[in-house]
Amino acid sequence: MSRQSLQIELAERPKGDIIPGQTFRQRYLPAPTEADLKDGELLVETLYLSLDPAMRGWLEDKRSYIPPVQIGEIMRAGAIARVLASNSSKAKAGDIVTGSTGFAEVRILPESAIDDPVPLPANGKVTDLLGVIGMTGLTAYFGMTKIGLPKPGETVVVTTAAGATGSVAAQIAKIAGARVVGITGSDEKARWLKEEMGLDVALNYKAADFREKFKEATPKYIDVFWDNVGGEQLDLALARANKFARFVICGGISQYNEVEKKGPKNFLAVIGQRITIRGFIVFDYAEEYAPARKQLAQWLSEGKLQRKETILKGGLKVSEDALNHLFHGKNTGKLLVEVKNPEETSKL
């Protein structure tokens, strides 16, 4: 009997929350084989899937930095995969690679969908390729070093500071000598941010006295605001912005599942405080990935960057439900799905 491969496809565009079993459909198909390869193609099996808030935006049928996933298409996602067979000089059978496999167990990819090899530092692990030295780390690096530009002694506020990108961004600000305030969604995460990540202040936005604590944490106002949330937290930051503050808009997770999006009420502070607000996409800096990864790897090896992962097991079938973890604060650090244990034997 031929090997079967599960793939998860977009069934309908969500209106609000992703609904497992409705937003997506799961299909088992005969797995492609080495005989199906054309020149420049690779047969890969997915080991780990990267789950990121931006994926929710890819389900919307609207103009953006990347075309939306179409109905019936395999859900887009970055991954760590093992090469089963190759007709490409980019990788050989047995190699571990990163690339865009999507929500599929086994798939044929063009070599253009496979990333160039990334060396790991001595204390690195394979999942860092999707985390601290992957797109997550690169997003934090470019957003903070190109737009935020924190200076020693400045106050930097980072939302979703216990998340994949926010945790790296906050630490980069600390490396730059800034005073860093992290915002997160639980007391446990706040303790992690202070005790292990070394942030100066960590606040739980769900606490009854959050607004008061936020004001206390920014006595000299905010010089750099890293926003992954939007909504109320962005509004509070606008009201506490210093003159010529830099607001780095990386995401707006509080609004992704909202049918009626809400804009900031304090937007006119941009005029009075001469705030610079800039959104960005990590792809804007593609030509600078290699030196950025080298710097991130160095900081990791020197112990200046800490990382944490939430790895969900159960195979690819848990991926659609796992996406909702991002919107309910169930992950700390990078959220991954283990599709297949790398120690398991591969079979064509």
Protein backbone atom coordinates (compact mmCIF):
# COMPACT_ATOMS: atom_id res chain seq x y z
CA MET A 1 0.00 0.00 0.00
CA SER A 2 1.37 3.44 -0.92
CA ARG A 3 2.20 5.92 1.80
CA GLN A 4 -0.59 8.39 2.58
CA SER A 5 0.09 12.05 3.26
CA LEU A 6 -2.19 14.37 5.19
CA GLN A 7 -2.65 17.91 3.92
CA ILE A 8 -4.79 20.68 5.36
CA GLU A 9 -6.51 23.03 2.94
CA LEU A 10 -8.43 26.26 3.34
CA ALA A 11 -12.14 25.42 3.10
CA GLU A 12 -13.66 28.86 3.75
CA ARG A 13 -12.58 32.33 4.74
CA PRO A 14 -13.18 32.85 8.47
CA LYS A 15 -15.41 35.62 9.72
CA GLY A 16 -13.93 36.11 13.15
CA ASP A 17 -12.25 33.17 14.85
CA ILE A 18 -10.76 30.21 13.01
CA ILE A 19 -13.12 27.26 13.51
CA PRO A 20 -11.35 23.87 13.48
CA GLY A 21 -13.07 21.47 11.11
CA GLN A 22 -14.83 24.30 9.29
CA THR A 23 -12.23 26.89 8.27
CA PHE A 24 -9.97 24.10 7.03
CA ARG A 25 -10.45 20.58 5.71
CA GLN A 26 -8.08 17.66 6.16
CA ARG A 27 -7.38 15.32 3.25
CA TYR A 28 -5.29 12.16 2.93
CA LEU A 29 -3.77 11.59 -0.49
CA PRO A 30 -1.16 9.19 -1.85
CA ALA A 31 2.20 10.70 -0.96
CA PRO A 32 4.35 11.84 -3.88
CA THR A 33 7.46 9.76 -4.53
CA GLU A 34 10.95 10.20 -5.94
CA ALA A 35 9.62 9.09 -9.33
CA ASP A 36 7.43 12.20 -9.41
CA LEU A 37 10.35 14.63 -9.15
CA LYS A 38 11.26 16.96 -11.99
CA ASP A 39 14.55 18.81 -12.39
CA GLY A 40 15.08 21.37 -9.64
CA GLU A 41 12.57 19.76 -7.27
CA LEU A 42 12.86 18.13 -3.85
CA LEU A 43 10.69 15.60 -2.05
CA VAL A 44 10.44 16.57 1.62
CA GLU A 45 8.68 15.48 4.78
CA THR A 46 7.68 18.11 7.32
CA LEU A 47 9.14 17.84 10.81
CA TYR A 48 8.12 21.11 12.48
CA LEU A 49 5.60 23.75 11.40
CA SER A 50 5.93 27.40 12.34
CA LEU A 51 2.70 29.00 13.57
CA ASP A 52 2.58 32.80 13.50
CA PRO A 53 -0.14 35.46 13.95
CA ALA A 54 0.46 36.73 10.41
CA MET A 55 -1.09 33.52 9.10
CA ARG A 56 -4.51 34.81 10.10
CA GLY A 57 -4.05 37.70 7.68
CA TRP A 58 -3.20 35.30 4.85
CA LEU A 59 -6.76 33.97 5.06
CA GLU A 60 -8.25 37.38 4.20
CA ASP A 61 -9.08 38.03 0.54
CA LYS A 62 -7.60 41.51 0.38
CA ARG A 63 -4.54 43.33 -0.89
CA SER A 64 -1.49 42.77 1.26
CA TYR A 65 2.24 42.10 1.11
CA ILE A 66 1.62 38.51 0.01
CA PRO A 67 -1.29 36.97 -1.94
CA PRO A 68 -3.97 35.36 0.21
CA VAL A 69 -4.26 31.60 0.51
CA GLN A 70 -6.93 30.54 -1.97
CA ILE A 71 -9.88 28.29 -1.17
CA GLY A 72 -8.77 24.70 -1.73
CA GLU A 73 -5.07 25.50 -1.40
CA ILE A 74 -2.79 23.92 1.20
CA MET A 75 -2.43 26.32 4.12
CA ARG A 76 0.80 28.28 3.80
CA ALA A 77 3.43 27.88 6.52
CA GLY A 78 7.15 27.85 7.05
CA ALA A 79 8.66 24.60 8.27
CA ILE A 80 11.66 22.50 9.07
CA ALA A 81 11.70 19.49 6.78
CA ARG A 82 13.85 16.51 5.88
CA VAL A 83 14.76 15.87 2.26
CA LEU A 84 13.65 12.41 1.15
CA ALA A 85 14.87 12.71 -2.43
CA SER A 86 16.31 15.49 -4.54
CA ASN A 87 16.77 16.56 -8.14
CA SER A 88 18.35 19.80 -6.97
CA SER A 89 21.88 20.86 -6.11
CA LYS A 90 20.47 22.88 -3.21
CA ALA A 91 20.07 19.89 -0.88
CA LYS A 92 20.49 16.13 -0.90
CA ALA A 93 18.50 13.25 0.62
CA GLY A 94 18.78 13.28 4.40
CA ASP A 95 19.44 17.01 4.70
CA ILE A 96 17.42 19.08 7.17
CA VAL A 97 16.15 22.24 5.46
CA THR A 98 13.77 25.12 6.08
CA GLY A 99 11.22 26.34 3.60
CA SER A 100 7.57 26.76 2.79
CA THR A 101 6.05 23.27 2.96
CA GLY A 102 2.65 24.44 4.14
CA PHE A 103 0.31 22.20 6.11
CA ALA A 104 1.38 18.96 4.42
CA GLU A 105 3.18 15.89 5.69
CA VAL A 106 4.97 15.04 2.44
CA ARG A 107 5.32 17.36 -0.50
CA ILE A 108 7.31 18.12 -3.63
CA LEU A 109 8.79 21.61 -3.58
CA PRO A 110 10.69 23.66 -6.15
CA GLU A 111 14.19 24.51 -5.00
CA SER A 112 13.11 28.17 -4.81
CA ALA A 113 10.88 27.22 -1.84
CA ILE A 114 13.90 25.97 0.13
CA ASP A 115 15.99 28.44 2.12
CA ASP A 116 19.75 28.67 1.88
CA PRO A 117 21.52 26.71 4.64
CA VAL A 118 21.79 28.51 7.98
CA PRO A 119 24.62 27.50 10.36
CA LEU A 120 23.63 26.93 13.97
CA PRO A 121 25.79 28.19 16.85
CA ALA A 122 27.27 25.62 19.25
CA ASN A 123 24.37 26.03 21.68
CA GLY A 124 21.76 26.12 18.92
CA LYS A 125 19.08 23.54 18.21
CA VAL A 126 17.28 22.73 15.00
CA THR A 127 14.06 24.52 16.00
CA ASP A 128 16.03 27.78 16.29
CA LEU A 129 15.90 27.78 12.48
CA LEU A 130 12.23 28.79 12.80
CA GLY A 131 12.69 30.85 15.95
CA VAL A 132 15.47 33.06 17.19
CA ILE A 133 17.60 32.83 14.02
CA GLY A 134 14.66 32.23 11.68
CA MET A 135 11.99 34.61 10.44
CA THR A 136 10.91 35.31 14.01
CA GLY A 137 14.34 36.54 15.05
CA LEU A 138 14.88 38.39 11.78
CA THR A 139 11.59 40.26 12.21
CA ALA A 140 12.59 41.36 15.69
CA TYR A 141 16.09 42.29 14.56
CA PHE A 142 15.15 44.47 11.63
CA GLY A 143 12.17 46.10 13.31
CA MET A 144 14.20 47.07 16.35
CA THR A 145 17.54 47.94 14.72
CA LYS A 146 16.22 49.66 11.59
CA ILE A 147 13.07 51.39 12.87
CA GLY A 148 13.00 51.35 16.67
CA LEU A 149 16.66 52.34 17.01
CA PRO A 150 16.72 52.20 20.83
CA LYS A 151 19.43 54.20 22.57
CA PRO A 152 20.99 53.67 26.02
CA GLY A 153 18.68 54.90 28.75
CA GLU A 154 15.60 55.21 26.55
CA THR A 155 12.32 53.56 27.53
CA VAL A 156 11.19 50.81 25.16
CA VAL A 157 7.78 49.16 25.56
CA VAL A 158 7.17 45.81 23.87
CA THR A 159 3.73 44.21 23.57
CA THR A 160 3.33 40.40 23.46
CA ALA A 161 6.77 40.43 25.05
CA ALA A 162 6.51 36.73 25.93
CA GLY A 163 5.70 35.79 22.35
CA ALA A 164 8.07 34.60 19.64
CA THR A 165 8.93 37.94 18.07
CA GLY A 166 8.29 40.22 21.04
CA SER A 167 10.64 38.27 23.32
CA VAL A 168 13.53 38.67 20.85
CA ALA A 169 12.71 42.33 20.17
CA ALA A 170 12.70 43.09 23.90
CA GLN A 171 16.09 41.46 24.39
CA ILE A 172 17.60 43.34 21.44
CA ALA A 173 16.45 46.57 23.07
CA LYS A 174 18.16 45.47 26.30
CA ILE A 175 21.36 44.71 24.39
CA ALA A 176 21.19 48.28 23.07
CA GLY A 177 21.14 49.56 26.66
CA ALA A 178 17.51 50.62 26.84
CA ARG A 179 15.14 50.30 29.78
CA VAL A 180 12.58 47.74 28.62
CA VAL A 181 8.98 47.31 29.72
CA GLY A 182 7.32 44.10 28.54
CA ILE A 183 3.56 43.59 28.34
CA THR A 184 2.11 40.09 28.44
CA GLY A 185 -1.06 38.23 29.37
CA SER A 186 -0.34 36.41 32.63
CA ASP A 187 1.58 36.76 35.88
CA GLU A 188 3.55 33.61 35.05
CA LYS A 189 4.76 35.08 31.75
CA ALA A 190 5.55 38.37 33.48
CA ARG A 191 7.77 36.52 35.96
CA TRP A 192 9.56 34.78 33.08
CA LEU A 193 10.19 38.12 31.38
CA LYS A 194 11.77 39.61 34.49
CA GLU A 195 13.56 36.62 35.98
CA GLU A 196 14.86 34.88 32.87
CA MET A 197 14.74 37.49 30.14
CA GLY A 198 16.03 40.31 32.32
CA LEU A 199 13.45 42.94 31.42
CA ASP A 200 13.23 45.92 33.74
CA VAL A 201 9.44 45.80 34.14
CA ALA A 202 6.88 43.20 33.08
CA LEU A 203 3.14 43.91 33.20
CA ASN A 204 0.10 41.67 32.90
CA TYR A 205 -2.41 43.58 30.77
CA LYS A 206 -5.24 41.49 32.24
CA ALA A 207 -4.57 42.80 35.75
CA ALA A 208 -7.19 45.15 37.19
CA ASP A 209 -4.57 47.85 37.81
CA PHE A 210 -2.83 47.53 34.44
CA ARG A 211 -3.51 51.09 33.30
CA GLU A 212 -2.12 52.48 36.55
CA LYS A 213 0.93 50.18 36.41
CA PHE A 214 1.53 51.10 32.77
CA LYS A 215 1.66 54.78 33.69
CA GLU A 216 3.99 54.05 36.62
CA ALA A 217 6.29 52.02 34.35
CA THR A 218 6.72 54.92 31.91
CA PRO A 219 7.52 57.94 34.13
CA LYS A 220 9.68 59.49 31.41
CA TYR A 221 7.24 58.44 28.72
CA ILE A 222 7.90 56.03 25.83
CA ASP A 223 10.71 56.47 23.32
CA VAL A 224 10.17 53.23 21.36
CA PHE A 225 6.93 51.26 21.22
CA TRP A 226 6.97 47.81 19.63
CA ASP A 227 3.42 46.87 18.77
CA ASN A 228 2.19 43.37 18.06
CA VAL A 229 -1.29 43.99 19.47
CA GLY A 230 -3.03 47.21 18.41
CA GLY A 231 -6.29 48.09 20.16
CA GLU A 232 -6.22 49.33 23.74
CA GLN A 233 -2.49 48.81 24.28
CA LEU A 234 -1.61 50.92 21.24
CA ASP A 235 -4.02 53.59 22.47
CA LEU A 236 -2.39 53.66 25.91
CA ALA A 237 1.06 53.93 24.35
CA LEU A 238 0.04 56.87 22.18
CA ALA A 239 -1.07 58.70 25.30
CA ARG A 240 2.32 58.02 26.96
CA ALA A 241 4.56 58.72 23.94
CA ASN A 242 7.59 60.93 24.32
CA LYS A 243 8.35 63.65 21.80
CA PHE A 244 9.72 62.10 18.60
CA ALA A 245 8.90 58.56 19.76
CA ARG A 246 9.28 55.73 17.25
CA PHE A 247 6.37 53.30 17.00
CA VAL A 248 7.25 50.01 15.28
CA ILE A 249 4.08 48.34 14.01
CA CYS A 250 4.81 44.63 13.67
CA GLY A 251 1.28 43.29 14.15
CA GLY A 252 -2.17 43.83 15.58
CA ILE A 253 -3.22 40.49 17.04
CA SER A 254 -6.06 41.98 19.09
CA GLN A 255 -7.80 42.91 15.84
CA TYR A 256 -7.12 39.93 13.57
CA ASN A 257 -10.26 38.01 14.53
CA GLU A 258 -12.48 41.07 15.00
CA VAL A 259 -15.24 41.52 12.44
CA GLU A 260 -15.34 45.25 13.17
CA LYS A 261 -11.75 46.55 13.45
CA LYS A 262 -11.08 49.30 16.00
CA GLY A 263 -8.61 52.13 15.43
CA PRO A 264 -6.77 54.13 18.11
CA LYS A 265 -8.67 56.93 19.83
CA ASN A 266 -5.48 58.76 20.77
CA PHE A 267 -4.16 58.99 17.22
CA LEU A 268 -3.86 62.80 17.31
CA ALA A 269 -1.00 62.40 19.80
CA VAL A 270 1.05 61.66 16.66
CA ILE A 271 0.88 65.38 15.88
CA GLY A 272 1.49 66.82 19.32
CA GLN A 273 4.37 64.49 20.17
CA ARG A 274 5.70 64.25 16.59
CA ILE A 275 5.55 60.46 16.69
CA THR A 276 6.92 58.37 13.84
CA ILE A 277 4.72 55.33 13.19
CA ARG A 278 6.02 52.78 10.71
CA GLY A 279 4.88 49.34 9.70
CA PHE A 280 7.25 46.88 8.10
CA ILE A 281 7.56 43.37 6.68
CA VAL A 282 10.64 41.24 7.26
CA PHE A 283 10.84 40.56 3.50
CA ASP A 284 11.79 44.24 3.07
CA TYR A 285 15.26 43.32 4.34
CA ALA A 286 15.79 40.01 2.49
CA GLU A 287 19.19 41.07 1.16
CA GLU A 288 20.41 41.53 4.74
CA TYR A 289 19.28 38.18 6.18
CA ALA A 290 22.76 36.60 6.27
CA PRO A 291 24.54 39.24 8.39
CA ALA A 292 21.46 39.57 10.63
CA ARG A 293 21.42 35.82 11.27
CA LYS A 294 25.13 35.93 12.03
CA GLN A 295 24.54 38.61 14.67
CA LEU A 296 21.56 36.79 16.18
CA ALA A 297 23.57 33.55 16.32
CA GLN A 298 26.43 35.38 18.03
CA TRP A 299 24.11 36.87 20.66
CA LEU A 300 22.60 33.43 21.22
CA SER A 301 26.02 31.81 21.65
CA GLU A 302 27.07 34.58 24.06
CA GLY A 303 23.96 34.08 26.18
CA LYS A 304 22.63 37.55 25.39
CA LEU A 305 19.52 36.07 23.80
CA GLN A 306 17.29 33.60 25.62
CA ARG A 307 14.49 31.73 23.92
CA LYS A 308 11.57 29.55 24.82
CA GLU A 309 9.37 27.33 22.67
CA THR A 310 5.90 25.87 22.92
CA ILE A 311 5.91 22.69 20.84
CA LEU A 312 2.58 20.96 20.29
CA LYS A 313 2.67 17.27 19.51
CA GLY A 314 0.05 15.11 17.88
CA GLY A 315 1.08 15.51 14.27
CA LEU A 316 -0.19 17.72 11.49
CA LYS A 317 -3.84 17.10 12.37
CA VAL A 318 -3.57 19.38 15.44
CA SER A 319 -2.30 22.35 13.42
CA GLU A 320 -5.59 24.06 12.66
CA ASP A 321 -6.64 24.04 16.31
CA ALA A 322 -3.10 25.04 17.31
CA LEU A 323 -3.44 28.27 15.34
CA ASN A 324 -5.98 29.47 17.89
CA HIS A 325 -3.37 29.15 20.65
CA LEU A 326 -1.81 32.31 19.25
CA PHE A 327 -4.97 34.35 19.82
CA HIS A 328 -5.66 33.05 23.32
CA GLY A 329 -2.18 33.46 24.81
CA LYS A 330 -1.52 29.74 25.22
CA ASN A 331 2.05 29.86 23.96
CA THR A 332 5.21 31.26 25.49
CA GLY A 333 7.91 32.04 22.94
CA LYS A 334 7.83 30.37 19.55
CA LEU A 335 4.80 28.20 18.76
CA LEU A 336 5.57 25.07 16.74
CA VAL A 337 3.76 21.88 15.80
CA GLU A 338 5.84 18.73 15.74
CA VAL A 339 4.57 16.99 12.63
CA LYS A 340 7.14 14.22 12.88
CA ASN A 341 9.86 13.51 15.43
CA PRO A 342 13.20 14.03 13.65
CA GLU A 343 14.47 10.85 15.31
CA GLU A 344 11.86 8.73 13.55
CA THR A 345 12.96 6.76 10.51
CA SER A 346 11.99 8.15 7.13
CA LYS A 347 10.45 6.00 4.45
CA LEU A 348 9.87 6.85 0.82
